[in-house]
Amino acid sequence: PGRKLLRLSTGTPNIGWGRLEIRGGEVINSTTQRVNQRIYRTDGTFWERPAGNFLYHAGHNHIHFDNWCKYRLRRVLANDGVGEILSEGQKTSFCILDLQVHDTSNPYYNSAGNYRNCGATVQGLTPGWADIYSKSLPDQWVDITDIPDGTYWLEAEVDPDNNLLESNEDNNIGRVKVTIASPPPLGPDRFEENDTRAQVDARPEGGNNSPNFGLVNAARTYESLSVEPNDDDWFKFRMNNAGSAGDHVAITSTITTGDTDLELYDANGNRLARSITTSNNETISLSGRPAGTYYIRVFPYSGSNPSYNLRIDPAANNPPTITVQEPAQNVWVEASIEAFRVRWQTSDADGDPVKVAVWLHRTPVVFDKNTATLVPGYEAIPGSDGVANVNTATIPHGQWYVYLKATDGGSINGRFAAGWVHLYIKGDIDMNGRFDAEDMEIIVKMFRAQTGGYGGKMPDHWTMILDADRDGDFDEQDFKLLKRMLNGH
């Protein structure tokens, strides 16, 4: 609290020819376990070496490989030289997983991947895959409270303590330039005054700096606009042909503060559609809209927006297609411990590059972005990747329906997966999102009722939930472990 943090998302790809694999070894205490790195030879044999510790990370509720990344802010010297460290974050601990495809041309790339579980036994990275950590997760920041405005190097180093043996130790640092500055002062843009429809109607159609644009028959982008608190920006345009697939109006912004929304009105001032997500990027389709006059309203739901772009795109554009292949069946996934796989195929008749976003919805009937959850870090996956493993560390427990949304930048298409994903935690037999005394009361009754094999008479998902030692069944050992878990031991 009271500190200014620069948050960042990071990716750690395996660009080598061999698997990075780490395995749990000696247990030191209730939160720490030794780690061994398993190194595979070309003949299929392997050898192991010590490689640091696994740490139980309370912020994520699963086992992490300790001291995996370090983030720093450095001074920029003359000729882009790298200066001294001005601020740095804590060494972060990652659960290392195959989450996103990095390079399918790697000769040892495996589209299935090998590592999707955050347990204390095995973690790793397959060649051609990358582990991704979103800026929303704990420890993904550098403190810049006392840093003056200016341009700096933001640096990330993987394996800063050199715990792992690698074929190349010289490529573990990445840097990007960042500019730290206060948001630009809010001032009127070139289309003001356009706070009401009446003001826009009074401006000359197609005039210089007029928000009454007149006929728009090709894509146009109006940049560097601003909207003030408690005010609206109105615009007016006309199209001579009916809208088709891919036609749209949209606002985009790099400003992360506040929340700017978008609405579309007909010539009589009747609202036709709105886009009101929690971001500053909104889109409304013009598909099926008849030729005629329309109004656009841009307004701040909260705060202000000193810099946004408005795009009107009535030009014909064929939408991309997407087929969702996984999850094809219903899947039970241990929250924060396991990832789940999504797989798809995309195409675009115009040859435009396609990006895929992973959304989660509580019902599979109609997708609604206002109630759906966009998975952080999975907003713009290249459609050509065809596969991703979804990290469950930040996803609430319960049953989710996976919706994959494809866009070519002008139009959007999406599909639900055939199967759902249910995120559970061990011991939560009543599936209310926590393991507590009420669960234990049910478990005790179930345990006493078992006569011939403790897991044999229960539904499969009950066995998974109660299988505390993860050996495939529910038995006396699990019962004892669950009691210890409840008591905090």
Foldseek 3Di string as FASTA:
>chain_A
DPFDKDFDKDKDAAQDQWWFKKFFDDDDDPFKTWIWTWGADPVGDIDIDTFQIWGQDPQLRFIFGWQFKKKFKFAQDPPRDTHDTPWIFDRDTHQAAQFFFADPPRPFDDLVWDAFFRHRGMGTHGHRGMDMDFRVGPRRTITCRPPDWDKIKIKMFGPPVVRDDDPDPPPRMDIDIDTDDDPDDADADLAPPAQDPVVLVPDDACDDSRLNPEEDDAKDKDWQHWDAAPTKHKHKYFYQAQAAFLFKKKKDDPDFDFFKWKWKAAPVGHTDDIFGARGNIGMDGRHRPGTTMMMMMIHTPDGIGRIMMIMGGRDDAFWKDKDKDPPQAAEEDAASTGWGKTFMAMDGPVPFWKFKWKKKAPDQDDDDPRRIHTQGPRGGHGNVSGMGTGHRSPPAFAKIWIKMWMGSVRHIDIHTHNYIYGHDHAQPQVRPRDHEPVSLVVVVVLQVPDDPFSAPPDPQVSQVNQVCVPPRGHDPVSNVVSVCVRVPD
